[in-house]
């Protein structure tokens, strides 16, 4: 891992169009090599986008691997490049980062799992402190670099799932924006089966519940690639009106519908390698092929 980190540091000096194309190339190789992840991706696409032909899904899956690998290599720019370079490469829409709006009251920054989500974090970290859930990495060297990269601008608070909900609530009540990634399958605990692309998916209701408990507003933010390897777009969406309302399940369904709409706008950049439908209701069989 230290060798990979050293290579990432070395490559981050390259112009982004060169580094991006290198990432695309490595993603093409990984699409061939990582058979298990390729099958998970294709299974997800078959479930979520049945209107596509199989050839179209294979093409989209390959594009996802390219985008994902590219985002990994480009993360070196987020970790080590100058603030001036980052500001040149990140286009904020509608712009600038709405610091006043997100710090005037408790704010949940809703950031679904697109491959460039760390870019959204960097765009905020350069201008405002925030908090976020954090998964400790198995490799100590990578964990150290990742934490340092996310905290190198404004002070941040990183919580783990083991910390529980109380530190998040305290941070929100202190008007520290909470960067929330709401769309992974963590099992049935604290989740409801809510449709995602028409398929029941175990979906955390935490966004709605935290908003209801703290009175926090929900402001979505999505990061995607700009065309032609020119950088990244970070789009802040209007705060949701009347959210969450009295029905936590309906609020969670509303969240999934919003994410679906954004995925259809940049389908190759969503995190398809995750088993989004791993947990099944009522003992239904797995939707994913067994590993041989």
C-alpha atoms as a PDB file:
ATOM      1  CA  UNK A   1       0.000   0.000   0.000  1.00  0.00           C
ATOM      2  CA  UNK A   2       2.862   2.396   0.715  1.00  0.00           C
ATOM      3  CA  UNK A   3       4.057   1.806  -2.843  1.00  0.00           C
ATOM      4  CA  UNK A   4       0.589   2.670  -4.195  1.00  0.00           C
ATOM      5  CA  UNK A   5       0.423   5.793  -2.041  1.00  0.00           C
ATOM      6  CA  UNK A   6       3.868   6.806  -3.253  1.00  0.00           C
ATOM      7  CA  UNK A   7       2.741   6.350  -6.847  1.00  0.00           C
ATOM      8  CA  UNK A   8      -0.396   8.389  -6.166  1.00  0.00           C
ATOM      9  CA  UNK A   9       1.725  11.203  -4.752  1.00  0.00           C
ATOM     10  CA  UNK A  10       4.055  11.088  -7.743  1.00  0.00           C
ATOM     11  CA  UNK A  11       1.232  11.010 -10.297  1.00  0.00           C
ATOM     12  CA  UNK A  12      -0.735  13.852  -8.720  1.00  0.00           C
ATOM     13  CA  UNK A  13       1.779  16.275 -10.262  1.00  0.00           C
ATOM     14  CA  UNK A  14       0.637  15.258 -13.740  1.00  0.00           C
ATOM     15  CA  UNK A  15      -1.852  17.438 -15.650  1.00  0.00           C
ATOM     16  CA  UNK A  16      -5.342  16.178 -14.897  1.00  0.00           C
ATOM     17  CA  UNK A  17      -6.061  15.105 -18.512  1.00  0.00           C
ATOM     18  CA  UNK A  18      -3.004  12.827 -18.374  1.00  0.00           C
ATOM     19  CA  UNK A  19      -3.781  11.449 -14.908  1.00  0.00           C
ATOM     20  CA  UNK A  20      -7.442  11.000 -15.793  1.00  0.00           C
ATOM     21  CA  UNK A  21      -6.663   9.011 -18.912  1.00  0.00           C
ATOM     22  CA  UNK A  22      -4.266   6.846 -16.909  1.00  0.00           C
ATOM     23  CA  UNK A  23      -7.102   6.170 -14.470  1.00  0.00           C
ATOM     24  CA  UNK A  24      -9.471   5.295 -17.304  1.00  0.00           C
ATOM     25  CA  UNK A  25      -6.914   2.849 -18.685  1.00  0.00           C
ATOM     26  CA  UNK A  26      -6.399   1.107 -15.336  1.00  0.00           C
ATOM     27  CA  UNK A  27     -10.167   0.903 -14.923  1.00  0.00           C
ATOM     28  CA  UNK A  28     -10.417  -0.967 -18.222  1.00  0.00           C
ATOM     29  CA  UNK A  29      -7.901  -3.485 -16.906  1.00  0.00           C
ATOM     30  CA  UNK A  30      -9.742  -3.854 -13.600  1.00  0.00           C
ATOM     31  CA  UNK A  31     -12.995  -4.506 -15.457  1.00  0.00           C
ATOM     32  CA  UNK A  32     -11.329  -7.559 -16.975  1.00  0.00           C
ATOM     33  CA  UNK A  33      -9.476  -8.687 -13.848  1.00  0.00           C
ATOM     34  CA  UNK A  34     -12.075  -8.210 -11.077  1.00  0.00           C
ATOM     35  CA  UNK A  35     -14.628 -10.769 -12.133  1.00  0.00           C
ATOM     36  CA  UNK A  36     -16.610 -10.815  -8.860  1.00  0.00           C
ATOM     37  CA  UNK A  37     -17.041  -7.031  -8.777  1.00  0.00           C
ATOM     38  CA  UNK A  38     -17.881  -7.025 -12.482  1.00  0.00           C
ATOM     39  CA  UNK A  39     -20.704  -9.492 -11.855  1.00  0.00           C
ATOM     40  CA  UNK A  40     -22.046  -7.435  -8.928  1.00  0.00           C
ATOM     41  CA  UNK A  41     -22.051  -4.362 -11.147  1.00  0.00           C
ATOM     42  CA  UNK A  42     -23.827  -6.129 -13.993  1.00  0.00           C
ATOM     43  CA  UNK A  43     -26.382  -7.627 -11.598  1.00  0.00           C
ATOM     44  CA  UNK A  44     -27.160  -4.166 -10.232  1.00  0.00           C
ATOM     45  CA  UNK A  45     -27.530  -2.763 -13.726  1.00  0.00           C
ATOM     46  CA  UNK A  46     -29.806  -5.622 -14.803  1.00  0.00           C
ATOM     47  CA  UNK A  47     -32.039  -4.940 -11.797  1.00  0.00           C
ATOM     48  CA  UNK A  48     -32.035  -1.155 -12.073  1.00  0.00           C
ATOM     49  CA  UNK A  49     -31.921  -0.621 -15.815  1.00  0.00           C
ATOM     50  CA  UNK A  50     -33.809  -3.473 -17.473  1.00  0.00           C
ATOM     51  CA  UNK A  51     -34.627  -1.166 -20.395  1.00  0.00           C
ATOM     52  CA  UNK A  52     -31.002  -1.409 -21.579  1.00  0.00           C
ATOM     53  CA  UNK A  53     -29.700  -4.256 -23.709  1.00  0.00           C
ATOM     54  CA  UNK A  54     -27.092  -6.534 -22.171  1.00  0.00           C
ATOM     55  CA  UNK A  55     -24.455  -5.043 -24.463  1.00  0.00           C
ATOM     56  CA  UNK A  56     -25.389  -1.561 -23.248  1.00  0.00           C
ATOM     57  CA  UNK A  57     -25.119  -2.710 -19.629  1.00  0.00           C
ATOM     58  CA  UNK A  58     -21.695  -4.213 -20.249  1.00  0.00           C
ATOM     59  CA  UNK A  59     -20.561  -0.940 -21.790  1.00  0.00           C
ATOM     60  CA  UNK A  60     -21.955   0.999 -18.837  1.00  0.00           C
ATOM     61  CA  UNK A  61     -20.285  -1.384 -16.370  1.00  0.00           C
ATOM     62  CA  UNK A  62     -16.931  -0.890 -18.096  1.00  0.00           C
ATOM     63  CA  UNK A  63     -17.423   2.878 -17.989  1.00  0.00           C
ATOM     64  CA  UNK A  64     -18.137   2.614 -14.273  1.00  0.00           C
ATOM     65  CA  UNK A  65     -14.889   0.739 -13.620  1.00  0.00           C
ATOM     66  CA  UNK A  66     -13.056   3.396 -15.619  1.00  0.00           C
ATOM     67  CA  UNK A  67     -14.705   6.196 -13.655  1.00  0.00           C
ATOM     68  CA  UNK A  68     -14.075   4.516 -10.312  1.00  0.00           C
ATOM     69  CA  UNK A  69     -10.398   3.819 -11.025  1.00  0.00           C
ATOM     70  CA  UNK A  70      -9.976   7.324 -12.338  1.00  0.00           C
ATOM     71  CA  UNK A  71     -11.462   8.771  -9.140  1.00  0.00           C
ATOM     72  CA  UNK A  72      -8.981   6.791  -7.032  1.00  0.00           C
ATOM     73  CA  UNK A  73      -5.920   8.102  -8.860  1.00  0.00           C
ATOM     74  CA  UNK A  74      -7.307  11.625  -8.993  1.00  0.00           C
ATOM     75  CA  UNK A  75      -7.775  11.524  -5.228  1.00  0.00           C
ATOM     76  CA  UNK A  76      -4.070  12.277  -4.990  1.00  0.00           C
ATOM     77  CA  UNK A  77      -4.862  15.773  -6.250  1.00  0.00           C
ATOM     78  CA  UNK A  78      -7.418  16.196  -3.463  1.00  0.00           C
ATOM     79  CA  UNK A  79      -4.900  15.059  -0.856  1.00  0.00           C
ATOM     80  CA  UNK A  80      -1.756  16.868  -1.948  1.00  0.00           C
ATOM     81  CA  UNK A  81      -2.375  19.522  -4.611  1.00  0.00           C
ATOM     82  CA  UNK A  82      -2.416  23.195  -3.716  1.00  0.00           C
ATOM     83  CA  UNK A  83      -5.660  24.872  -2.789  1.00  0.00           C
ATOM     84  CA  UNK A  84      -5.258  27.124  -5.833  1.00  0.00           C
ATOM     85  CA  UNK A  85      -5.071  24.127  -8.157  1.00  0.00           C
ATOM     86  CA  UNK A  86      -8.126  22.541  -6.593  1.00  0.00           C
ATOM     87  CA  UNK A  87     -10.142  25.713  -7.007  1.00  0.00           C
ATOM     88  CA  UNK A  88      -9.195  25.828 -10.687  1.00  0.00           C
ATOM     89  CA  UNK A  89     -10.355  22.239 -11.204  1.00  0.00           C
ATOM     90  CA  UNK A  90     -13.572  22.269  -9.161  1.00  0.00           C
ATOM     91  CA  UNK A  91     -16.574  24.041 -10.664  1.00  0.00           C
ATOM     92  CA  UNK A  92     -19.194  24.743  -8.003  1.00  0.00           C
ATOM     93  CA  UNK A  93     -22.792  25.128  -9.147  1.00  0.00           C
ATOM     94  CA  UNK A  94     -24.632  27.371  -8.792  1.00  0.00           C
ATOM     95  CA  UNK A  95     -21.560  28.709  -6.964  1.00  0.00           C
ATOM     96  CA  UNK A  96     -19.942  29.558  -4.679  1.00  0.00           C
ATOM     97  CA  UNK A  97     -20.209  26.971  -1.874  1.00  0.00           C
ATOM     98  CA  UNK A  98     -23.251  28.143   0.149  1.00  0.00           C
ATOM     99  CA  UNK A  99     -21.392  28.486   3.447  1.00  0.00           C
ATOM    100  CA  UNK A 100     -23.793  30.979   5.019  1.00  0.00           C
ATOM    101  CA  UNK A 101     -26.840  28.832   4.231  1.00  0.00           C
ATOM    102  CA  UNK A 102     -25.277  25.602   5.491  1.00  0.00           C
ATOM    103  CA  UNK A 103     -24.049  27.111   8.767  1.00  0.00           C
ATOM    104  CA  UNK A 104     -27.027  29.335   9.640  1.00  0.00           C
ATOM    105  CA  UNK A 105     -28.890  26.309  11.009  1.00  0.00           C
ATOM    106  CA  UNK A 106     -28.239  22.567  11.420  1.00  0.00           C
ATOM    107  CA  UNK A 107     -27.576  21.172   7.947  1.00  0.00           C
ATOM    108  CA  UNK A 108     -27.292  17.656   6.555  1.00  0.00           C
ATOM    109  CA  UNK A 109     -25.248  17.663   3.354  1.00  0.00           C
ATOM    110  CA  UNK A 110     -26.719  14.673   1.540  1.00  0.00           C
ATOM    111  CA  UNK A 111     -24.025  13.144  -0.676  1.00  0.00           C
ATOM    112  CA  UNK A 112     -24.904   9.818  -2.356  1.00  0.00           C
ATOM    113  CA  UNK A 113     -22.214   7.378  -3.436  1.00  0.00           C
ATOM    114  CA  UNK A 114     -20.961   8.793  -6.694  1.00  0.00           C
ATOM    115  CA  UNK A 115     -17.297   8.050  -7.394  1.00  0.00           C
ATOM    116  CA  UNK A 116     -16.311  11.728  -7.038  1.00  0.00           C
ATOM    117  CA  UNK A 117     -17.927  12.215  -3.632  1.00  0.00           C
ATOM    118  CA  UNK A 118     -14.542  13.127  -2.088  1.00  0.00           C
ATOM    119  CA  UNK A 119     -14.433  16.111  -4.430  1.00  0.00           C
ATOM    120  CA  UNK A 120     -17.628  17.401  -2.837  1.00  0.00           C
ATOM    121  CA  UNK A 121     -15.959  17.013   0.544  1.00  0.00           C
ATOM    122  CA  UNK A 122     -12.878  18.901  -0.608  1.00  0.00           C
ATOM    123  CA  UNK A 123     -14.922  21.766  -2.062  1.00  0.00           C
ATOM    124  CA  UNK A 124     -16.564  22.251   1.330  1.00  0.00           C
ATOM    125  CA  UNK A 125     -13.428  21.661   3.417  1.00  0.00           C
ATOM    126  CA  UNK A 126     -11.629  24.533   1.710  1.00  0.00           C
ATOM    127  CA  UNK A 127     -14.195  27.040   2.986  1.00  0.00           C
ATOM    128  CA  UNK A 128     -15.960  25.568   6.034  1.00  0.00           C
ATOM    129  CA  UNK A 129     -15.595  23.035   8.816  1.00  0.00           C
ATOM    130  CA  UNK A 130     -17.875  20.013   8.670  1.00  0.00           C
ATOM    131  CA  UNK A 131     -18.377  16.567  10.128  1.00  0.00           C
ATOM    132  CA  UNK A 132     -18.821  13.166   8.549  1.00  0.00           C
ATOM    133  CA  UNK A 133     -19.100   9.448   9.203  1.00  0.00           C
ATOM    134  CA  UNK A 134     -15.800   7.683   8.631  1.00  0.00           C
ATOM    135  CA  UNK A 135     -14.901   4.025   8.106  1.00  0.00           C
ATOM    136  CA  UNK A 136     -11.484   3.187   9.544  1.00  0.00           C
ATOM    137  CA  UNK A 137      -9.366   1.672   6.785  1.00  0.00           C
ATOM    138  CA  UNK A 138      -7.760  -1.730   7.288  1.00  0.00           C
ATOM    139  CA  UNK A 139      -4.377  -0.482   6.095  1.00  0.00           C
ATOM    140  CA  UNK A 140      -2.905   1.909   8.677  1.00  0.00           C
ATOM    141  CA  UNK A 141      -0.843   3.886   6.162  1.00  0.00           C
ATOM    142  CA  UNK A 142      -3.825   4.437   3.874  1.00  0.00           C
ATOM    143  CA  UNK A 143      -6.011   5.339   6.844  1.00  0.00           C
ATOM    144  CA  UNK A 144      -3.527   7.987   7.978  1.00  0.00           C
ATOM    145  CA  UNK A 145      -3.243   9.549   4.517  1.00  0.00           C
ATOM    146  CA  UNK A 146      -7.015   9.511   3.999  1.00  0.00           C
ATOM    147  CA  UNK A 147      -7.718  11.211   7.318  1.00  0.00           C
ATOM    148  CA  UNK A 148      -4.980  13.777   6.763  1.00  0.00           C
ATOM    149  CA  UNK A 149      -6.238  14.501   3.256  1.00  0.00           C
ATOM    150  CA  UNK A 150      -9.759  15.166   4.466  1.00  0.00           C
ATOM    151  CA  UNK A 151      -8.591  17.400   7.320  1.00  0.00           C
ATOM    152  CA  UNK A 152      -5.870  19.465   5.643  1.00  0.00           C
ATOM    153  CA  UNK A 153      -7.941  22.619   5.166  1.00  0.00           C
ATOM    154  CA  UNK A 154     -10.566  23.526   7.777  1.00  0.00           C
ATOM    155  CA  UNK A 155     -10.956  21.472  10.980  1.00  0.00           C
ATOM    156  CA  UNK A 156     -13.231  18.457  10.559  1.00  0.00           C
ATOM    157  CA  UNK A 157     -14.865  15.952  12.879  1.00  0.00           C
ATOM    158  CA  UNK A 158     -14.848  12.348  11.699  1.00  0.00           C
ATOM    159  CA  UNK A 159     -17.146   9.874  13.446  1.00  0.00           C
ATOM    160  CA  UNK A 160     -17.217   6.083  13.170  1.00  0.00           C
ATOM    161  CA  UNK A 161     -20.305   3.903  13.304  1.00  0.00           C
ATOM    162  CA  UNK A 162     -19.076   2.750  16.712  1.00  0.00           C
ATOM    163  CA  UNK A 163     -19.387   6.320  18.016  1.00  0.00           C
ATOM    164  CA  UNK A 164     -23.142   6.130  17.647  1.00  0.00           C
ATOM    165  CA  UNK A 165     -25.553   8.932  16.866  1.00  0.00           C
ATOM    166  CA  UNK A 166     -24.938  11.302  19.806  1.00  0.00           C
ATOM    167  CA  UNK A 167     -21.761  13.005  18.464  1.00  0.00           C
ATOM    168  CA  UNK A 168     -23.536  13.663  15.154  1.00  0.00           C
ATOM    169  CA  UNK A 169     -26.482  15.259  16.918  1.00  0.00           C
ATOM    170  CA  UNK A 170     -24.150  17.431  19.014  1.00  0.00           C
ATOM    171  CA  UNK A 171     -22.251  18.556  15.903  1.00  0.00           C
ATOM    172  CA  UNK A 172     -25.481  19.472  14.130  1.00  0.00           C
ATOM    173  CA  UNK A 173     -26.771  21.403  17.132  1.00  0.00           C
ATOM    174  CA  UNK A 174     -23.476  23.316  17.061  1.00  0.00           C
ATOM    175  CA  UNK A 175     -24.333  24.130  13.413  1.00  0.00           C
ATOM    176  CA  UNK A 176     -21.474  22.043  12.064  1.00  0.00           C
ATOM    177  CA  UNK A 177     -22.715  20.670   8.722  1.00  0.00           C
ATOM    178  CA  UNK A 178     -22.926  16.891   8.629  1.00  0.00           C
ATOM    179  CA  UNK A 179     -21.729  15.246   5.409  1.00  0.00           C
ATOM    180  CA  UNK A 180     -24.005  12.218   5.053  1.00  0.00           C
ATOM    181  CA  UNK A 181     -23.688   9.237   2.707  1.00  0.00           C
ATOM    182  CA  UNK A 182     -27.124   7.621   2.925  1.00  0.00           C
ATOM    183  CA  UNK A 183     -27.297   4.921   0.268  1.00  0.00           C
ATOM    184  CA  UNK A 184     -25.473   1.752   1.251  1.00  0.00           C
ATOM    185  CA  UNK A 185     -26.887  -1.559   2.494  1.00  0.00           C
ATOM    186  CA  UNK A 186     -25.926  -2.001   6.166  1.00  0.00           C
ATOM    187  CA  UNK A 187     -28.561  -4.626   6.888  1.00  0.00           C
ATOM    188  CA  UNK A 188     -32.020  -4.338   8.413  1.00  0.00           C
ATOM    189  CA  UNK A 189     -31.014  -2.441  11.577  1.00  0.00           C
ATOM    190  CA  UNK A 190     -32.314   1.152  11.495  1.00  0.00           C
ATOM    191  CA  UNK A 191     -33.447   0.567   7.903  1.00  0.00           C
ATOM    192  CA  UNK A 192     -36.658   0.146   5.953  1.00  0.00           C
ATOM    193  CA  UNK A 193     -37.225  -1.659   2.675  1.00  0.00           C
ATOM    194  CA  UNK A 194     -37.818   1.224   0.289  1.00  0.00           C
ATOM    195  CA  UNK A 195     -37.827   1.000  -3.528  1.00  0.00           C
ATOM    196  CA  UNK A 196     -34.662   1.971  -5.345  1.00  0.00           C
ATOM    197  CA  UNK A 197     -35.103   1.704  -9.111  1.00  0.00           C
ATOM    198  CA  UNK A 198     -38.203  -0.332  -8.323  1.00  0.00           C
ATOM    199  CA  UNK A 199     -36.344  -2.911  -6.228  1.00  0.00           C
ATOM    200  CA  UNK A 200     -36.873  -3.104  -2.451  1.00  0.00           C
ATOM    201  CA  UNK A 201     -33.603  -1.974  -0.862  1.00  0.00           C
ATOM    202  CA  UNK A 202     -32.711  -1.902   2.822  1.00  0.00           C
ATOM    203  CA  UNK A 203     -32.316   1.861   3.231  1.00  0.00           C
ATOM    204  CA  UNK A 204     -31.173   3.667   6.362  1.00  0.00           C
ATOM    205  CA  UNK A 205     -33.822   6.025   7.664  1.00  0.00           C
ATOM    206  CA  UNK A 206     -31.139   8.034   9.474  1.00  0.00           C
ATOM    207  CA  UNK A 207     -31.400  11.061   7.184  1.00  0.00           C
ATOM    208  CA  UNK A 208     -35.066  11.552   8.009  1.00  0.00           C
ATOM    209  CA  UNK A 209     -34.710  10.657  11.682  1.00  0.00           C
ATOM    210  CA  UNK A 210     -31.731  12.969  12.295  1.00  0.00           C
ATOM    211  CA  UNK A 211     -33.470  15.800  10.458  1.00  0.00           C
ATOM    212  CA  UNK A 212     -36.582  15.281  12.581  1.00  0.00           C
ATOM    213  CA  UNK A 213     -34.614  15.137  15.839  1.00  0.00           C
ATOM    214  CA  UNK A 214     -32.409  18.178  15.243  1.00  0.00           C
ATOM    215  CA  UNK A 215     -34.579  20.290  12.957  1.00  0.00           C
ATOM    216  CA  UNK A 216     -31.776  20.067  10.375  1.00  0.00           C
ATOM    217  CA  UNK A 217     -32.322  21.087   6.795  1.00  0.00           C
ATOM    218  CA  UNK A 218     -31.269  18.662   4.055  1.00  0.00           C
ATOM    219  CA  UNK A 219     -29.121  20.109   1.278  1.00  0.00           C
ATOM    220  CA  UNK A 220     -28.069  17.564  -1.393  1.00  0.00           C
ATOM    221  CA  UNK A 221     -24.655  17.886  -3.031  1.00  0.00           C
ATOM    222  CA  UNK A 222     -23.453  15.768  -5.972  1.00  0.00           C
ATOM    223  CA  UNK A 223     -19.951  15.662  -7.475  1.00  0.00           C
ATOM    224  CA  UNK A 224     -19.369  14.428 -11.039  1.00  0.00           C
ATOM    225  CA  UNK A 225     -16.680  14.656 -13.701  1.00  0.00           C
ATOM    226  CA  UNK A 226     -16.488  17.597 -16.056  1.00  0.00           C
ATOM    227  CA  UNK A 227     -16.168  16.601 -19.739  1.00  0.00           C
ATOM    228  CA  UNK A 228     -12.795  15.984 -21.379  1.00  0.00           C
ATOM    229  CA  UNK A 229     -10.821  15.484 -18.166  1.00  0.00           C
ATOM    230  CA  UNK A 230     -11.126  19.166 -17.257  1.00  0.00           C
ATOM    231  CA  UNK A 231     -11.963  18.659 -13.572  1.00  0.00           C
ATOM    232  CA  UNK A 232     -15.074  18.138 -11.491  1.00  0.00           C
ATOM    233  CA  UNK A 233     -18.506  19.660 -11.050  1.00  0.00           C
ATOM    234  CA  UNK A 234     -19.923  20.011  -7.519  1.00  0.00           C
ATOM    235  CA  UNK A 235     -23.612  20.864  -7.570  1.00  0.00           C
ATOM    236  CA  UNK A 236     -25.494  22.062  -4.503  1.00  0.00           C
ATOM    237  CA  UNK A 237     -29.245  21.495  -4.724  1.00  0.00           C
ATOM    238  CA  UNK A 238     -31.930  23.566  -3.006  1.00  0.00           C
ATOM    239  CA  UNK A 239     -32.797  22.604   0.551  1.00  0.00           C
ATOM    240  CA  UNK A 240     -35.710  20.176   0.582  1.00  0.00           C
ATOM    241  CA  UNK A 241     -39.026  21.738   1.560  1.00  0.00           C
ATOM    242  CA  UNK A 242     -41.108  20.159   4.319  1.00  0.00           C
ATOM    243  CA  UNK A 243     -38.590  17.428   5.031  1.00  0.00           C
ATOM    244  CA  UNK A 244     -38.881  14.952   6.612  1.00  0.00           C
ATOM    245  CA  UNK A 245     -42.531  15.370   7.550  1.00  0.00           C
ATOM    246  CA  UNK A 246     -44.323  12.946   9.906  1.00  0.00           C
ATOM    247  CA  UNK A 247     -43.665   9.732   7.947  1.00  0.00           C
ATOM    248  CA  UNK A 248     -40.048   8.533   8.106  1.00  0.00           C
ATOM    249  CA  UNK A 249     -40.612   5.822   5.499  1.00  0.00           C
ATOM    250  CA  UNK A 250     -42.158   8.279   3.040  1.00  0.00           C
ATOM    251  CA  UNK A 251     -39.244  10.655   3.652  1.00  0.00           C
ATOM    252  CA  UNK A 252     -36.774   7.846   2.958  1.00  0.00           C
ATOM    253  CA  UNK A 253     -38.633   6.972  -0.236  1.00  0.00           C
ATOM    254  CA  UNK A 254     -38.380  10.613  -1.277  1.00  0.00           C
ATOM    255  CA  UNK A 255     -34.624  10.474  -0.709  1.00  0.00           C
ATOM    256  CA  UNK A 256     -34.239   7.357  -2.851  1.00  0.00           C
ATOM    257  CA  UNK A 257     -36.273   8.920  -5.645  1.00  0.00           C
ATOM    258  CA  UNK A 258     -33.988  11.949  -5.641  1.00  0.00           C
ATOM    259  CA  UNK A 259     -30.896   9.715  -5.810  1.00  0.00           C
ATOM    260  CA  UNK A 260     -32.421   7.736  -8.693  1.00  0.00           C
ATOM    261  CA  UNK A 261     -32.886  10.930 -10.681  1.00  0.00           C
ATOM    262  CA  UNK A 262     -29.262  11.945 -10.151  1.00  0.00           C
ATOM    263  CA  UNK A 263     -27.998   8.465 -11.063  1.00  0.00           C
ATOM    264  CA  UNK A 264     -29.819   8.584 -14.386  1.00  0.00           C
ATOM    265  CA  UNK A 265     -27.998  11.850 -15.145  1.00  0.00           C
ATOM    266  CA  UNK A 266     -24.544  10.254 -14.690  1.00  0.00           C
ATOM    267  CA  UNK A 267     -25.112   6.473 -14.560  1.00  0.00           C
ATOM    268  CA  UNK A 268     -21.480   5.433 -15.040  1.00  0.00           C
ATOM    269  CA  UNK A 269     -20.432   7.411 -11.961  1.00  0.00           C
ATOM    270  CA  UNK A 270     -22.673   5.752  -9.378  1.00  0.00           C
ATOM    271  CA  UNK A 271     -21.192   3.138  -7.058  1.00  0.00           C
ATOM    272  CA  UNK A 272     -22.500   0.012  -8.793  1.00  0.00           C
ATOM    273  CA  UNK A 273     -19.863  -2.350  -7.369  1.00  0.00           C
ATOM    274  CA  UNK A 274     -21.637  -2.246  -3.976  1.00  0.00           C
ATOM    275  CA  UNK A 275     -24.247  -4.939  -3.231  1.00  0.00           C
ATOM    276  CA  UNK A 276     -27.027  -2.405  -2.841  1.00  0.00           C
ATOM    277  CA  UNK A 277     -29.684  -5.139  -2.664  1.00  0.00           C
ATOM    278  CA  UNK A 278     -27.780  -7.628  -0.484  1.00  0.00           C
ATOM    279  CA  UNK A 279     -30.322  -7.619   2.355  1.00  0.00           C
ATOM    280  CA  UNK A 280     -33.614  -9.146   1.259  1.00  0.00           C
ATOM    281  CA  UNK A 281     -37.033  -8.912   2.911  1.00  0.00           C
ATOM    282  CA  UNK A 282     -38.880 -11.929   4.276  1.00  0.00           C
ATOM    283  CA  UNK A 283     -36.106 -14.397   3.570  1.00  0.00           C
ATOM    284  CA  UNK A 284     -36.096 -13.772  -0.166  1.00  0.00           C
ATOM    285  CA  UNK A 285     -33.151 -15.388  -1.967  1.00  0.00           C
ATOM    286  CA  UNK A 286     -30.057 -13.393  -2.794  1.00  0.00           C
ATOM    287  CA  UNK A 287     -30.117 -11.412  -6.021  1.00  0.00           C
ATOM    288  CA  UNK A 288     -26.375 -11.804  -6.510  1.00  0.00           C
ATOM    289  CA  UNK A 289     -24.560 -14.789  -8.041  1.00  0.00           C
ATOM    290  CA  UNK A 290     -22.710 -17.033  -5.637  1.00  0.00           C
ATOM    291  CA  UNK A 291     -18.941 -16.962  -5.820  1.00  0.00           C
ATOM    292  CA  UNK A 292     -17.527 -20.135  -7.308  1.00  0.00           C
END
